[in-house]
Amino acid sequence: MGLSIGIDFGSAYTKAVYTTTGATTRMVPMRLNEPWTPSMVARNPRTGMLEVGSSAIGAAAEDPKNAIVLVRRLLGRYYHEPAVREVRQRVAYEIVRQEITGPGKAHVMVGDREFAPEELAAAILEEVRRDAEAALGQPVTRAAVTVPACSHFRQRYEIWLAARMAGLEVVRLVEAPVAAVYGFGMAPVAEGSRTVLVYDLGGSAFEVSVVRWIDGQAVLESMDRDLWLGGEAFDQVIVDQVMAGLRTWQPGVGERLRADPRSMWKLKVEAERAKKLPSWMPSADVLVVGALRGELDVDEEIQREECEAWIHPYIARTMTLVDQALKLGWPGAGEIEAVLLVGGPSCLPLVRRLLVEKFGEEKIKADVDPMLCNALGAAAVAARSAGVVCDDWLRKCPHCGALHRPWAEVCDQTGGPLGRG
């Protein structure tokens, strides 16, 4: 039997961690020794082949219209859903309706090929599995995989399906805030209760959850979220401000840049780098050499104070959502034992300052890598669940043993009624 790992399958990045039953933890390095894999698939414009993860970034810079991001947002979604409409408005690639009778799922066009979202998700998870096998030197066949706390049955099923297509048996689907609690080493108490708040500010979304351990069981008391408030929103604000500065000294250049997907992609990559400015650096440069096919070099200096002023309204919005989650779950700020910082942007000094004002310095926990804590928690679950395959929530045919989606009523093979797996 192969190894079991924990996978945090995120909208922006996917991470993997291996934990032995003896609690020895090992972060699994991805290709090129990077700590995580971009959740991206892109068509190489030269070869026509699909590139996955880090190698897709280079292909995306050359052909942004065939760079598929936010694929997790499309899992289990029908084309007509508002969530799909929002994705269509924000990405360069084409989303189409699956040509079948009925509502029709959202599919993705890459070049002249049509893909189901779970096929692209499987390509990302397979890349992670192969990198894990290369790093660990053994076959990896099982995984505990994180799912958003707000995900419904169809979304969870297609995450499970993508993992199976990637050659992984799913030992458990773990809600992301519960995985974070495990990742921070806050084991459940056998008696009594423990209440923590998970502040998850990721690359593409924000989610706040109140998790309470009651007699050894994790209960998601309340949550709130904004699907479009994350690091990418901050990147876009920086891009907009840089563009505004360009227009003041070179009229018309901003409009030309916006019409050039390749230059805009490079500018966004630079904006992301500037956003990660360490707290001890007062400024950062946004530098794009050879924009507009070599006509323009973009070189703008951004001061820390002005960058924080640009993103402050977004961080303030997360604090409003924190207050709403506390009201929904009834605990006051004083009842929260710890505030766990999850996601890369949660490391921003502005985030910490505002959370300290609300909860106090002693409750803010950032001693675990916020980019890896969910994967660490999933790995802990995988180690505990080794040998237990997560098929029990599917519907199983009592006659032929085939597994079906949770909402299916009859077996595709026999036509008979289904039971629970």
Protein backbone atom coordinates (compact mmCIF):
# COMPACT_ATOMS: atom_id res chain seq x y z
CA MET A 1 0.00 0.00 0.00
CA GLY A 2 1.34 3.43 -0.91
CA LEU A 3 1.82 6.48 1.32
CA SER A 4 -0.98 8.80 2.48
CA ILE A 5 -0.51 12.57 2.25
CA GLY A 6 -2.52 15.67 3.08
CA ILE A 7 -3.46 17.96 0.19
CA ASP A 8 -4.81 21.48 0.52
CA PHE A 9 -6.49 22.02 -2.84
CA GLY A 10 -6.87 25.80 -3.08
CA SER A 11 -8.22 28.10 -5.75
CA ALA A 12 -4.81 29.77 -6.13
CA TYR A 13 -2.29 27.19 -4.86
CA THR A 14 -2.22 23.49 -3.97
CA LYS A 15 0.02 22.21 -1.17
CA ALA A 16 0.98 18.74 0.06
CA VAL A 17 2.37 17.50 3.38
CA TYR A 18 3.36 14.01 4.52
CA THR A 19 2.97 13.01 8.19
CA THR A 20 3.86 9.60 9.58
CA THR A 21 1.81 7.91 12.27
CA GLY A 22 4.63 8.87 14.63
CA ALA A 23 3.80 12.55 13.96
CA THR A 24 6.98 13.24 11.97
CA THR A 25 5.91 15.94 9.49
CA ARG A 26 7.51 16.59 6.12
CA MET A 27 6.46 19.29 3.69
CA VAL A 28 6.46 17.80 0.20
CA PRO A 29 8.44 20.02 -2.21
CA MET A 30 6.99 20.45 -5.64
CA ARG A 31 8.80 20.64 -8.95
CA LEU A 32 11.79 23.02 -8.99
CA ASN A 33 11.84 22.59 -5.17
CA GLU A 34 8.96 25.05 -4.70
CA PRO A 35 6.81 24.66 -1.58
CA TRP A 36 3.49 24.64 -3.44
CA THR A 37 1.95 24.28 -6.87
CA PRO A 38 -0.07 27.03 -8.58
CA SER A 39 -3.60 25.73 -9.20
CA MET A 40 -3.26 26.56 -12.88
CA VAL A 41 -3.41 24.75 -16.21
CA ALA A 42 -2.26 26.48 -19.41
CA ARG A 43 -1.81 25.59 -23.05
CA ASN A 44 1.74 25.92 -24.30
CA PRO A 45 1.40 28.14 -27.41
CA ARG A 46 4.42 26.49 -29.06
CA THR A 47 3.63 22.81 -28.52
CA GLY A 48 -0.12 22.89 -27.91
CA MET A 49 0.40 20.66 -24.85
CA LEU A 50 -1.10 21.37 -21.43
CA GLU A 51 1.26 22.71 -18.78
CA VAL A 52 0.37 22.37 -15.10
CA GLY A 53 1.44 24.27 -12.01
CA SER A 54 4.64 26.31 -12.10
CA SER A 55 5.35 25.47 -15.75
CA ALA A 56 1.92 26.86 -16.64
CA ILE A 57 2.92 30.35 -15.48
CA GLY A 58 5.37 30.79 -18.34
CA ALA A 59 2.82 29.51 -20.85
CA ALA A 60 0.20 31.85 -19.36
CA ALA A 61 2.43 34.86 -19.90
CA GLU A 62 2.58 33.98 -23.61
CA ASP A 63 -1.08 33.04 -24.06
CA PRO A 64 -3.27 34.34 -21.18
CA LYS A 65 -6.53 33.42 -22.95
CA ASN A 66 -5.65 29.75 -22.57
CA ALA A 67 -4.51 29.96 -18.93
CA ILE A 68 -7.06 28.31 -16.66
CA VAL A 69 -7.22 29.63 -13.10
CA LEU A 70 -9.93 29.38 -10.42
CA VAL A 71 -10.89 25.94 -11.72
CA ARG A 72 -12.00 24.89 -8.21
CA ARG A 73 -14.73 27.55 -8.42
CA LEU A 74 -16.30 25.67 -11.37
CA LEU A 75 -16.42 22.22 -9.79
CA GLY A 76 -19.99 20.97 -9.38
CA ARG A 77 -21.42 24.10 -11.00
CA TYR A 78 -24.00 24.50 -13.74
CA TYR A 79 -23.38 27.04 -16.48
CA HIS A 80 -26.35 29.25 -15.52
CA GLU A 81 -25.34 29.67 -11.85
CA PRO A 82 -24.42 33.19 -10.64
CA ALA A 83 -21.08 31.90 -9.32
CA VAL A 84 -20.12 30.78 -12.84
CA ARG A 85 -21.27 34.09 -14.28
CA GLU A 86 -18.93 35.91 -11.89
CA VAL A 87 -16.00 33.73 -12.93
CA ARG A 88 -16.75 34.41 -16.62
CA GLN A 89 -16.57 38.14 -15.97
CA ARG A 90 -13.16 37.90 -14.31
CA VAL A 91 -11.13 35.44 -16.43
CA ALA A 92 -9.76 35.60 -19.96
CA TYR A 93 -10.55 31.99 -20.93
CA GLU A 94 -13.85 30.76 -22.36
CA ILE A 95 -16.44 28.96 -20.20
CA VAL A 96 -19.11 27.08 -22.16
CA ARG A 97 -22.23 25.10 -21.41
CA GLN A 98 -21.92 21.34 -21.61
CA GLU A 99 -23.95 20.22 -24.64
CA ILE A 100 -26.44 17.88 -22.99
CA THR A 101 -30.12 18.01 -22.18
CA GLY A 102 -30.93 19.61 -18.84
CA PRO A 103 -29.17 22.49 -17.11
CA GLY A 104 -25.71 21.74 -18.51
CA LYS A 105 -22.50 21.90 -16.49
CA ALA A 106 -19.91 24.62 -16.86
CA HIS A 107 -17.04 23.42 -19.06
CA VAL A 108 -13.81 25.16 -20.10
CA MET A 109 -12.29 25.68 -23.54
CA VAL A 110 -8.51 25.34 -23.82
CA GLY A 111 -7.57 26.02 -27.43
CA ASP A 112 -10.10 24.02 -29.44
CA ARG A 113 -10.63 21.36 -26.75
CA GLU A 114 -13.44 21.27 -24.20
CA PHE A 115 -12.66 20.12 -20.65
CA ALA A 116 -14.81 19.35 -17.63
CA PRO A 117 -13.52 21.23 -14.54
CA GLU A 118 -12.81 17.96 -12.73
CA GLU A 119 -10.46 16.93 -15.58
CA LEU A 120 -8.37 20.07 -15.06
CA ALA A 121 -8.52 19.69 -11.28
CA ALA A 122 -7.32 16.10 -11.72
CA ALA A 123 -4.35 17.35 -13.78
CA ILE A 124 -3.33 19.64 -10.89
CA LEU A 125 -3.74 16.91 -8.26
CA GLU A 126 -1.85 14.42 -10.44
CA GLU A 127 1.03 16.89 -10.72
CA VAL A 128 1.09 17.14 -6.92
CA ARG A 129 0.97 13.35 -6.55
CA ARG A 130 3.88 12.85 -8.97
CA ASP A 131 5.96 15.52 -7.27
CA ALA A 132 5.22 13.93 -3.90
CA GLU A 133 6.31 10.53 -5.17
CA ALA A 134 9.54 12.02 -6.52
CA ALA A 135 10.23 13.74 -3.19
CA LEU A 136 9.31 10.82 -0.93
CA GLY A 137 10.75 8.06 -3.11
CA GLN A 138 7.65 5.86 -2.72
CA PRO A 139 4.25 5.54 -4.41
CA VAL A 140 1.60 7.92 -3.08
CA THR A 141 -1.85 6.37 -3.41
CA ARG A 142 -4.01 7.98 -0.73
CA ALA A 143 -4.78 11.48 0.46
CA ALA A 144 -6.93 13.55 2.76
CA VAL A 145 -8.05 16.56 0.72
CA THR A 146 -9.41 19.86 1.98
CA VAL A 147 -12.75 21.22 0.81
CA PRO A 148 -14.27 24.68 1.42
CA ALA A 149 -16.53 24.76 4.45
CA CYS A 150 -19.31 26.18 2.30
CA SER A 151 -19.10 23.53 -0.45
CA HIS A 152 -22.16 21.44 -1.29
CA PHE A 153 -22.49 17.76 -2.28
CA ARG A 154 -21.79 18.23 -6.01
CA GLN A 155 -18.64 20.25 -5.34
CA ARG A 156 -17.33 17.74 -2.80
CA TYR A 157 -18.12 14.86 -5.14
CA GLU A 158 -16.16 16.42 -8.00
CA ILE A 159 -13.16 17.14 -5.75
CA TRP A 160 -13.31 13.48 -4.73
CA LEU A 161 -13.68 12.47 -8.39
CA ALA A 162 -10.73 14.64 -9.47
CA ALA A 163 -8.55 13.00 -6.83
CA ARG A 164 -9.59 9.54 -8.03
CA MET A 165 -8.81 10.54 -11.62
CA ALA A 166 -5.38 11.68 -10.38
CA GLY A 167 -4.68 8.20 -9.01
CA LEU A 168 -5.52 8.94 -5.37
CA GLU A 169 -7.92 7.23 -3.01
CA VAL A 170 -9.49 9.78 -0.70
CA VAL A 171 -9.26 8.73 2.93
CA ARG A 172 -11.13 11.85 4.05
CA LEU A 173 -12.52 15.13 2.76
CA VAL A 174 -11.63 17.69 5.44
CA GLU A 175 -13.33 21.07 5.81
CA ALA A 176 -10.62 23.70 5.48
CA PRO A 177 -11.16 25.46 8.86
CA VAL A 178 -11.09 22.13 10.68
CA ALA A 179 -7.85 21.25 8.85
CA ALA A 180 -6.40 24.59 9.98
CA VAL A 181 -7.16 23.80 13.63
CA TYR A 182 -5.37 20.46 13.29
CA GLY A 183 -2.53 22.16 11.42
CA PHE A 184 -1.93 24.55 14.30
CA GLY A 185 -1.71 21.58 16.67
CA MET A 186 -4.83 22.51 18.59
CA ALA A 187 -5.99 18.96 19.25
CA PRO A 188 -9.62 18.46 20.30
CA VAL A 189 -10.32 18.36 24.01
CA ALA A 190 -11.84 15.10 25.26
CA GLU A 191 -14.22 16.91 27.61
CA GLY A 192 -15.61 20.41 27.64
CA SER A 193 -15.23 22.82 24.72
CA ARG A 194 -12.69 24.97 22.92
CA THR A 195 -13.58 27.77 20.49
CA VAL A 196 -11.24 29.20 17.86
CA LEU A 197 -11.66 31.63 14.99
CA VAL A 198 -10.03 30.80 11.65
CA TYR A 199 -9.16 33.92 9.64
CA ASP A 200 -8.48 32.53 6.15
CA LEU A 201 -7.36 35.23 3.72
CA GLY A 202 -6.26 33.36 0.61
CA GLY A 203 -5.21 34.23 -2.89
CA SER A 204 -8.71 34.58 -4.28
CA ALA A 205 -11.20 34.59 -1.38
CA PHE A 206 -11.73 35.34 2.30
CA GLU A 207 -13.46 33.00 4.73
CA VAL A 208 -13.88 33.37 8.47
CA SER A 209 -15.07 30.43 10.57
CA VAL A 210 -15.80 29.85 14.23
CA VAL A 211 -14.88 26.26 15.10
CA ARG A 212 -15.85 24.77 18.44
CA TRP A 213 -14.57 21.46 19.78
CA ILE A 214 -17.30 19.87 21.90
CA ASP A 215 -16.40 16.61 23.66
CA GLY A 216 -13.84 15.72 21.01
CA GLN A 217 -15.98 16.65 17.98
CA ALA A 218 -15.36 19.62 15.68
CA VAL A 219 -18.48 21.74 15.15
CA LEU A 220 -18.51 24.59 12.63
CA GLU A 221 -20.47 27.14 14.66
CA SER A 222 -20.64 29.88 12.04
CA MET A 223 -18.87 31.28 9.02
CA ASP A 224 -18.95 34.16 6.59
CA ARG A 225 -17.06 34.76 3.37
CA ASP A 226 -16.38 36.95 0.37
CA LEU A 227 -15.49 34.89 -2.70
CA TRP A 228 -13.67 37.76 -4.42
CA LEU A 229 -11.77 39.31 -1.53
CA GLY A 230 -8.25 37.93 -1.47
CA GLY A 231 -4.70 38.51 -2.54
CA GLU A 232 -5.67 38.80 -6.20
CA ALA A 233 -7.94 41.76 -5.35
CA PHE A 234 -4.96 43.46 -3.69
CA ASP A 235 -2.82 42.74 -6.76
CA GLN A 236 -5.45 44.35 -8.98
CA VAL A 237 -5.55 47.49 -6.80
CA ILE A 238 -1.78 47.84 -7.16
CA VAL A 239 -2.05 47.32 -10.94
CA ASP A 240 -4.76 50.01 -11.15
CA GLN A 241 -2.65 52.48 -9.20
CA VAL A 242 0.41 51.81 -11.35
CA MET A 243 -1.72 52.32 -14.46
CA ALA A 244 -3.05 55.58 -13.06
CA GLY A 245 0.51 56.78 -12.52
CA LEU A 246 1.46 55.84 -16.08
CA ARG A 247 -1.44 57.84 -17.50
CA THR A 248 -0.27 61.02 -15.78
CA TRP A 249 3.02 61.15 -17.65
CA GLN A 250 2.21 59.24 -20.85
CA PRO A 251 -1.42 59.69 -21.98
CA GLY A 252 -2.94 56.68 -23.76
CA VAL A 253 -0.43 54.14 -22.51
CA GLY A 254 -2.81 52.77 -19.87
CA GLU A 255 -5.46 51.90 -22.43
CA ARG A 256 -2.87 50.24 -24.67
CA LEU A 257 -1.57 48.15 -21.77
CA ARG A 258 -5.07 46.97 -20.86
CA ALA A 259 -5.55 45.82 -24.45
CA ASP A 260 -2.36 43.72 -24.30
CA PRO A 261 -3.04 40.54 -22.21
CA ARG A 262 0.64 39.56 -22.17
CA SER A 263 1.79 42.87 -20.68
CA MET A 264 -1.08 42.89 -18.18
CA TRP A 265 -0.17 39.39 -17.00
CA LYS A 266 3.45 40.42 -16.40
CA LEU A 267 2.30 43.57 -14.58
CA LYS A 268 0.04 41.53 -12.31
CA VAL A 269 2.91 39.15 -11.44
CA GLU A 270 5.03 42.16 -10.45
CA ALA A 271 2.16 43.60 -8.40
CA GLU A 272 1.90 40.34 -6.46
CA ARG A 273 5.63 40.45 -5.71
CA ALA A 274 5.37 44.05 -4.49
CA LYS A 275 2.42 43.14 -2.24
CA LYS A 276 4.64 40.64 -0.40
CA LEU A 277 7.01 43.44 0.61
CA PRO A 278 8.65 42.47 3.94
CA SER A 279 7.76 44.62 6.94
CA TRP A 280 11.33 45.96 7.20
CA MET A 281 11.34 47.34 3.63
CA PRO A 282 9.87 50.83 3.12
CA SER A 283 9.22 50.48 -0.62
CA ALA A 284 9.18 48.11 -3.60
CA ASP A 285 9.59 48.47 -7.36
CA VAL A 286 7.08 47.26 -9.93
CA LEU A 287 9.24 46.54 -12.97
CA VAL A 288 8.09 45.19 -16.33
CA VAL A 289 10.75 45.31 -19.04
CA GLY A 290 9.60 45.25 -22.64
CA ALA A 291 5.86 45.79 -22.19
CA LEU A 292 3.77 46.45 -25.29
CA ARG A 293 6.06 44.09 -27.25
CA GLY A 294 9.19 45.99 -26.35
CA GLU A 295 7.92 49.57 -26.68
CA LEU A 296 7.71 50.38 -22.94
CA ASP A 297 9.49 49.64 -19.67
CA VAL A 298 7.27 50.02 -16.61
CA ASP A 299 9.23 51.03 -13.49
CA GLU A 300 7.15 52.37 -10.60
CA GLU A 301 8.18 52.66 -6.93
CA ILE A 302 5.49 51.88 -4.35
CA GLN A 303 5.79 53.05 -0.74
CA ARG A 304 4.56 50.77 2.06
CA GLU A 305 2.26 53.45 3.49
CA GLU A 306 0.48 54.07 0.20
CA CYS A 307 0.15 50.34 -0.50
CA GLU A 308 -1.53 49.81 2.89
CA ALA A 309 -3.82 52.75 2.20
CA TRP A 310 -4.91 51.15 -1.10
CA ILE A 311 -5.78 47.78 0.46
CA HIS A 312 -7.13 49.06 3.79
CA PRO A 313 -10.80 49.07 2.62
CA TYR A 314 -10.50 45.37 1.74
CA ILE A 315 -8.95 44.43 5.08
CA ALA A 316 -11.62 46.48 6.86
CA ARG A 317 -14.22 44.46 4.96
CA THR A 318 -12.74 41.23 6.38
CA MET A 319 -13.11 42.67 9.89
CA THR A 320 -16.79 43.34 9.21
CA LEU A 321 -17.20 39.70 8.15
CA VAL A 322 -15.41 38.59 11.34
CA ASP A 323 -17.95 40.55 13.40
CA GLN A 324 -20.82 38.98 11.46
CA ALA A 325 -19.48 35.46 12.01
CA LEU A 326 -19.19 36.14 15.75
CA LYS A 327 -22.80 37.30 15.85
CA LEU A 328 -24.01 34.27 13.92
CA GLY A 329 -22.21 31.86 16.24
CA TRP A 330 -23.06 33.82 19.39
CA PRO A 331 -19.56 33.81 20.89
CA GLY A 332 -18.12 37.20 21.71
CA ALA A 333 -14.52 38.11 21.01
CA GLY A 334 -13.75 37.31 24.65
CA GLU A 335 -14.87 33.69 24.22
CA ILE A 336 -12.47 33.04 21.34
CA GLU A 337 -9.46 31.11 22.66
CA ALA A 338 -7.28 31.70 19.57
CA VAL A 339 -7.35 33.42 16.17
CA LEU A 340 -5.58 31.32 13.54
CA LEU A 341 -4.04 33.15 10.59
CA VAL A 342 -4.42 31.14 7.37
CA GLY A 343 -3.43 32.09 3.81
CA GLY A 344 -0.49 34.11 2.52
CA PRO A 345 -2.12 37.59 2.68
CA SER A 346 -2.96 37.03 6.37
CA CYS A 347 0.74 37.75 7.01
CA LEU A 348 0.34 41.38 5.97
CA PRO A 349 1.25 43.69 8.90
CA LEU A 350 -2.02 45.61 8.44
CA VAL A 351 -4.05 42.43 8.99
CA ARG A 352 -2.27 41.63 12.23
CA ARG A 353 -2.64 45.17 13.58
CA LEU A 354 -6.41 45.19 13.06
CA LEU A 355 -6.86 41.72 14.54
CA VAL A 356 -4.76 42.65 17.58
CA GLU A 357 -7.04 45.66 18.13
CA LYS A 358 -10.07 43.36 18.09
CA PHE A 359 -8.84 40.28 19.99
CA GLY A 360 -5.57 41.18 21.73
CA GLU A 361 -1.99 40.22 20.90
CA GLU A 362 -1.94 36.99 22.93
CA LYS A 363 -4.76 35.35 20.92
CA ILE A 364 -3.27 35.85 17.45
CA LYS A 365 -1.58 32.64 16.28
CA ALA A 366 0.84 32.82 13.36
CA ASP A 367 3.47 30.33 14.51
CA VAL A 368 2.57 27.87 11.73
CA ASP A 369 3.22 28.72 8.07
CA PRO A 370 -0.16 30.17 6.97
CA MET A 371 0.32 28.78 3.47
CA LEU A 372 0.83 25.22 4.76
CA CYS A 373 -1.34 24.92 7.88
CA ASN A 374 -4.36 23.45 6.04
CA ALA A 375 -2.15 20.88 4.33
CA LEU A 376 -0.54 20.08 7.69
CA GLY A 377 -3.98 19.46 9.17
CA ALA A 378 -5.03 17.32 6.22
CA ALA A 379 -1.81 15.32 6.60
CA ALA A 380 -2.60 14.70 10.27
CA VAL A 381 -6.04 13.42 9.28
CA ALA A 382 -4.50 11.26 6.54
CA ALA A 383 -2.09 9.68 9.02
CA ARG A 384 -4.94 8.88 11.42
CA SER A 385 -7.18 7.61 8.65
CA ALA A 386 -4.62 5.47 6.80
CA GLY A 387 -6.41 2.50 5.31
CA VAL A 388 -9.88 4.06 5.53
CA VAL A 389 -11.21 5.08 2.11
CA CYS A 390 -13.76 7.90 2.04
CA ASP A 391 -16.50 6.24 -0.01
CA ASP A 392 -19.00 5.95 2.84
CA TRP A 393 -20.92 9.11 1.92
CA LEU A 394 -21.56 7.94 -1.65
CA ARG A 395 -24.54 5.79 -2.63
CA LYS A 396 -23.75 2.15 -3.29
CA CYS A 397 -25.69 -0.35 -5.38
CA PRO A 398 -26.38 -3.42 -3.18
CA HIS A 399 -26.40 -5.64 -6.28
CA CYS A 400 -23.31 -4.70 -8.32
CA GLY A 401 -21.38 -2.62 -5.76
CA ALA A 402 -21.02 0.44 -8.05
CA LEU A 403 -20.65 3.83 -6.33
CA HIS A 404 -22.85 6.75 -7.39
CA ARG A 405 -23.18 10.43 -6.67
CA PRO A 406 -24.89 11.32 -3.35
CA TRP A 407 -28.07 12.59 -5.03
CA ALA A 408 -28.55 9.54 -7.31
CA GLU A 409 -31.57 7.35 -6.58
CA VAL A 410 -31.09 4.35 -8.89
CA CYS A 411 -28.06 2.42 -10.18
CA ASP A 412 -26.91 3.20 -13.72
CA GLN A 413 -25.99 -0.46 -14.23
CA THR A 414 -28.89 -2.43 -12.70
CA GLY A 415 -31.66 0.17 -12.41
CA GLY A 416 -32.18 -0.87 -8.79
CA PRO A 417 -32.51 1.44 -5.75
CA LEU A 418 -29.31 2.61 -4.07
CA GLY A 419 -28.16 2.32 -0.49
CA ARG A 420 -25.37 4.12 1.34
CA GLY A 421 -21.76 3.03 0.73
